[in-house]
Amino acid sequence: MSISQGPLNFVMIRRQFDFRGIEMGRWVTPEERDRAALNFHRALEDLMSVLQGPEVLISLRGTLGLQYGKGGRPGVAAHYVPATRQLSLAKNAGAGSLAHEWFHAFDHYMGDKMFQHVSSSHFASASWLNSAQLQLSRNKKPHPLNLLLAECFKAIMLSEQGDEPSNLFKASRSADHKLKVIYYAKPEEMAARAFEAFVEDTKPTSTFLVRGSRHSEEVKLGLYPQGEQRLRINQAFHDYFSLLGRALSKV
């Protein structure tokens, strides 16, 4: 379904995708709000096309809330808040971050659906890595879609043989060591960057959705998948989301 009547606005976007809510910051002018609505809509339509799924996938069955120009953090262009299930983009610096933050929301949404006996605050990617390390495969709900999502995480975090860390993990761990932080090598961050690469490689029209997985300082540091690993990840994401999209479109 696409919006075709009247000037586009966030009320129409919320109605189309069934977002839980969309909030504007107090310093967002009417002109900025209208421009952002166009950018959001184009990006969300692109994301739907990439994922081959319906609107309900984008809003995570109506559980996801959006914020624009509100709830920002100093130096952070965009962020996802698990406690409130809200995706927030900064007014002047959020462009290109939507795909990354959306996958955080999706990863979080799938946490207690992919694994039994985990808190609703857990990300599926982190729970998968923990289960792989501890060989607790019995925690995995035996659903074909969950098995395909597990293949995505495996391609992101492990070598093709599955017996050692992937190149993406090694580069991410090295960056964390140099910066004295624990950030880039977190499973949910590696997964979100890998998803960015998958989306950008489909060549979407919207740079509001994603940009920077092919040419950026992070790319030079190896913080996005490269070469053969990138191809494996892209294929795993394609296999998963094409099947998920078809399943949701039948509902």
Protein backbone atom coordinates (compact mmCIF):
# COMPACT_ATOMS: atom_id res chain seq x y z
CA MET A 1 0.00 0.00 0.00
CA SER A 2 1.30 3.46 -0.89
CA ILE A 3 0.17 6.93 -0.01
CA SER A 4 -1.09 8.79 -3.06
CA GLN A 5 -3.67 11.32 -1.94
CA GLY A 6 -2.98 14.73 -0.41
CA PRO A 7 0.28 16.20 0.90
CA LEU A 8 2.31 13.60 2.74
CA ASN A 9 2.59 13.93 6.52
CA PHE A 10 3.50 11.83 9.54
CA VAL A 11 -0.14 11.10 10.38
CA MET A 12 -0.45 9.36 7.02
CA ILE A 13 2.83 7.51 7.57
CA ARG A 14 1.71 6.29 10.97
CA ARG A 15 -1.58 5.12 9.50
CA GLN A 16 0.04 3.34 6.56
CA PHE A 17 2.66 1.45 8.58
CA ASP A 18 0.74 1.23 11.87
CA PHE A 19 3.57 2.63 13.98
CA ARG A 20 2.75 2.76 17.67
CA GLY A 21 3.38 6.50 17.61
CA ILE A 22 5.43 9.20 15.91
CA GLU A 23 6.76 12.10 17.97
CA MET A 24 8.35 15.38 16.87
CA GLY A 25 10.83 17.42 18.87
CA ARG A 26 9.76 20.87 19.99
CA TRP A 27 12.42 22.55 17.85
CA VAL A 28 11.34 20.87 14.60
CA THR A 29 9.79 23.55 12.37
CA PRO A 30 6.76 22.80 10.15
CA GLU A 31 9.03 22.95 7.09
CA GLU A 32 11.52 20.52 8.64
CA ARG A 33 8.68 18.22 9.69
CA ASP A 34 7.22 18.13 6.17
CA ARG A 35 10.62 17.51 4.61
CA ALA A 36 11.33 14.76 7.14
CA ALA A 37 7.99 13.12 6.35
CA LEU A 38 8.97 12.85 2.68
CA ASN A 39 12.39 11.48 3.60
CA PHE A 40 10.96 8.95 6.06
CA HIS A 41 8.33 7.75 3.64
CA ARG A 42 10.76 7.27 0.76
CA ALA A 43 13.17 5.43 3.08
CA LEU A 44 10.47 3.19 4.55
CA GLU A 45 9.12 2.32 1.10
CA ASP A 46 12.67 1.43 0.04
CA LEU A 47 13.11 -0.72 3.14
CA MET A 48 9.86 -2.53 2.39
CA SER A 49 11.10 -3.22 -1.12
CA VAL A 50 14.46 -4.52 0.11
CA LEU A 51 12.81 -6.82 2.66
CA GLN A 52 10.08 -7.94 0.24
CA GLY A 53 7.58 -7.58 3.05
CA PRO A 54 4.47 -5.61 4.00
CA GLU A 55 4.08 -2.54 6.21
CA VAL A 56 3.47 -4.67 9.30
CA LEU A 57 7.09 -5.86 9.09
CA ILE A 58 8.41 -2.29 9.13
CA SER A 59 6.44 -1.34 12.26
CA LEU A 60 7.13 -4.73 13.86
CA ARG A 61 3.43 -5.46 14.15
CA GLY A 62 2.66 -1.99 15.46
CA THR A 63 5.09 -2.18 18.38
CA LEU A 64 7.68 0.29 17.07
CA GLY A 65 7.54 4.01 17.81
CA LEU A 66 9.40 6.75 15.90
CA GLN A 67 10.89 10.01 17.10
CA TYR A 68 12.37 12.80 15.02
CA GLY A 69 14.37 15.64 16.52
CA LYS A 70 13.50 14.44 20.02
CA GLY A 71 15.27 12.44 22.71
CA GLY A 72 18.65 12.99 21.12
CA ARG A 73 21.99 12.28 22.71
CA PRO A 74 25.09 14.48 22.33
CA GLY A 75 27.15 13.35 19.36
CA VAL A 76 24.71 10.60 18.40
CA ALA A 77 22.91 10.84 15.05
CA ALA A 78 20.35 8.16 15.87
CA HIS A 79 19.59 5.54 18.47
CA TYR A 80 17.14 2.83 19.45
CA VAL A 81 15.78 2.61 22.99
CA PRO A 82 14.87 -0.99 23.93
CA ALA A 83 12.99 0.03 27.09
CA THR A 84 10.46 2.07 25.10
CA ARG A 85 10.90 0.37 21.70
CA GLN A 86 11.51 3.71 20.03
CA LEU A 87 13.71 4.56 17.08
CA SER A 88 14.98 8.13 17.28
CA LEU A 89 16.70 10.17 14.56
CA ALA A 90 18.38 13.50 15.25
CA LYS A 91 17.05 16.47 13.31
CA ASN A 92 20.29 17.48 11.65
CA ALA A 93 22.37 14.30 11.68
CA GLY A 94 20.07 11.29 11.41
CA ALA A 95 20.08 10.88 7.63
CA GLY A 96 21.55 7.55 6.56
CA SER A 97 20.97 5.93 9.97
CA LEU A 98 17.47 4.54 9.57
CA ALA A 99 18.43 1.05 8.33
CA HIS A 100 20.94 0.60 11.16
CA GLU A 101 18.51 1.63 13.88
CA TRP A 102 15.62 -0.30 12.35
CA PHE A 103 17.65 -3.49 12.54
CA HIS A 104 18.37 -2.80 16.21
CA ALA A 105 14.61 -2.63 16.71
CA PHE A 106 14.06 -5.83 14.72
CA ASP A 107 16.91 -7.63 16.53
CA HIS A 108 15.38 -6.63 19.86
CA TYR A 109 11.86 -7.59 18.75
CA MET A 110 13.08 -11.07 17.79
CA GLY A 111 14.96 -11.68 21.04
CA ASP A 112 12.25 -13.52 22.97
CA LYS A 113 10.69 -14.91 19.78
CA MET A 114 13.83 -16.68 18.64
CA PHE A 115 14.84 -17.91 22.09
CA GLN A 116 12.90 -19.27 25.01
CA HIS A 117 13.58 -18.20 28.59
CA VAL A 118 15.27 -14.89 27.75
CA SER A 119 14.34 -11.44 28.95
CA SER A 120 12.37 -9.18 26.62
CA SER A 121 15.31 -6.76 26.86
CA HIS A 122 17.68 -9.14 25.03
CA PHE A 123 18.73 -8.85 21.40
CA ALA A 124 18.42 -12.00 19.28
CA SER A 125 21.97 -11.55 17.93
CA ALA A 126 23.51 -11.48 21.41
CA SER A 127 21.41 -14.42 22.57
CA TRP A 128 22.45 -16.37 19.46
CA LEU A 129 26.14 -15.75 20.16
CA ASN A 130 25.73 -16.80 23.77
CA SER A 131 23.88 -19.95 22.76
CA ALA A 132 26.53 -20.75 20.14
CA GLN A 133 29.33 -20.31 22.66
CA LEU A 134 27.57 -22.40 25.30
CA GLN A 135 26.12 -24.85 22.77
CA LEU A 136 22.65 -24.27 24.16
CA SER A 137 20.92 -24.98 20.88
CA ARG A 138 17.98 -26.41 22.82
CA ASN A 139 17.00 -22.82 23.65
CA LYS A 140 16.33 -22.10 20.01
CA LYS A 141 12.70 -22.38 18.99
CA PRO A 142 12.70 -24.91 16.13
CA HIS A 143 11.09 -22.74 13.47
CA PRO A 144 12.42 -22.57 9.89
CA LEU A 145 12.53 -18.77 9.98
CA ASN A 146 14.50 -18.79 13.23
CA LEU A 147 16.98 -21.21 11.69
CA LEU A 148 17.44 -18.86 8.73
CA LEU A 149 17.96 -15.87 11.04
CA ALA A 150 20.55 -17.93 12.92
CA GLU A 151 22.37 -18.40 9.59
CA CYS A 152 22.50 -14.61 9.24
CA PHE A 153 24.13 -14.24 12.65
CA LYS A 154 26.53 -17.08 11.91
CA ALA A 155 27.63 -15.42 8.66
CA ILE A 156 28.18 -12.14 10.52
CA MET A 157 30.09 -13.40 13.53
CA LEU A 158 31.82 -16.62 12.47
CA SER A 159 34.08 -17.77 9.66
CA GLU A 160 32.57 -19.70 6.77
CA GLN A 161 33.61 -22.95 8.47
CA GLY A 162 32.03 -21.73 11.72
CA ASP A 163 35.10 -22.60 13.79
CA GLU A 164 36.62 -19.15 14.40
CA PRO A 165 35.62 -15.47 14.59
CA SER A 166 34.79 -13.75 11.32
CA ASN A 167 36.88 -11.01 9.75
CA LEU A 168 34.19 -8.52 10.74
CA PHE A 169 34.44 -9.60 14.36
CA LYS A 170 38.24 -9.42 14.34
CA ALA A 171 38.23 -5.89 12.87
CA SER A 172 35.52 -4.80 15.30
CA ARG A 173 37.41 -6.19 18.29
CA SER A 174 40.58 -4.45 17.10
CA ALA A 175 38.77 -1.11 16.83
CA ASP A 176 37.36 -1.52 20.33
CA HIS A 177 40.82 -2.32 21.67
CA LYS A 178 42.33 0.79 20.07
CA LEU A 179 39.53 3.03 21.30
CA LYS A 180 39.35 1.33 24.72
CA VAL A 181 35.60 0.76 24.40
CA ILE A 182 33.23 -2.18 24.09
CA TYR A 183 31.03 -1.15 21.20
CA TYR A 184 31.92 -2.20 17.67
CA ALA A 185 32.28 -5.90 18.54
CA LYS A 186 28.94 -6.13 20.35
CA PRO A 187 26.78 -8.67 18.47
CA GLU A 188 23.91 -6.23 18.00
CA GLU A 189 26.23 -3.57 16.55
CA MET A 190 27.93 -5.97 14.12
CA ALA A 191 24.51 -7.24 13.04
CA ALA A 192 23.16 -3.72 12.45
CA ARG A 193 26.19 -2.72 10.38
CA ALA A 194 25.94 -5.95 8.37
CA PHE A 195 22.28 -5.17 7.72
CA GLU A 196 23.25 -1.69 6.54
CA ALA A 197 25.60 -3.27 4.01
CA PHE A 198 22.89 -5.67 2.82
CA VAL A 199 20.45 -2.79 2.34
CA GLU A 200 22.95 -0.48 0.65
CA ASP A 201 24.03 -3.21 -1.76
CA THR A 202 20.45 -3.36 -3.09
CA LYS A 203 21.04 0.25 -4.24
CA PRO A 204 18.00 1.90 -2.64
CA THR A 205 17.07 5.37 -3.87
CA SER A 206 17.00 6.83 -0.36
CA THR A 207 20.22 8.02 1.27
CA PHE A 208 18.05 8.77 4.30
CA LEU A 209 17.76 5.00 4.72
CA VAL A 210 21.43 4.08 4.50
CA ARG A 211 24.80 5.38 3.39
CA GLY A 212 28.38 4.74 4.40
CA SER A 213 28.73 0.95 4.28
CA ARG A 214 30.80 1.12 1.10
CA HIS A 215 32.76 4.36 1.47
CA SER A 216 33.50 5.73 4.95
CA GLU A 217 36.17 5.79 7.64
CA GLU A 218 34.47 2.79 9.26
CA VAL A 219 34.79 0.86 6.00
CA LYS A 220 38.54 1.55 5.93
CA LEU A 221 38.80 0.02 9.41
CA GLY A 222 36.97 -3.11 8.29
CA LEU A 223 33.91 -2.33 10.41
CA TYR A 224 31.53 -3.30 7.61
CA PRO A 225 31.54 -6.73 5.96
CA GLN A 226 33.80 -6.96 2.96
CA GLY A 227 34.52 -9.33 0.08
CA GLU A 228 33.31 -12.90 0.31
CA GLN A 229 31.91 -12.47 3.83
CA ARG A 230 29.73 -9.60 2.65
CA LEU A 231 28.33 -11.78 -0.13
CA ARG A 232 27.56 -14.60 2.32
CA ILE A 233 25.82 -12.22 4.73
CA ASN A 234 23.81 -10.59 1.95
CA GLN A 235 22.64 -13.99 0.72
CA ALA A 236 21.69 -15.07 4.25
CA PHE A 237 19.68 -11.89 4.81
CA HIS A 238 18.02 -12.27 1.40
CA ASP A 239 17.01 -15.88 2.15
CA TYR A 240 15.61 -14.92 5.54
CA PHE A 241 13.71 -11.76 4.69
CA SER A 242 12.28 -13.03 1.40
CA LEU A 243 10.71 -15.98 3.24
CA LEU A 244 9.59 -13.79 6.15
CA GLY A 245 8.11 -11.24 3.75
CA ARG A 246 6.13 -13.89 1.90
CA ALA A 247 4.83 -15.34 5.16
CA LEU A 248 3.69 -11.95 6.46
CA SER A 249 2.11 -10.99 3.15
CA LYS A 250 -0.20 -14.01 3.41
CA VAL A 251 -1.49 -13.02 6.85
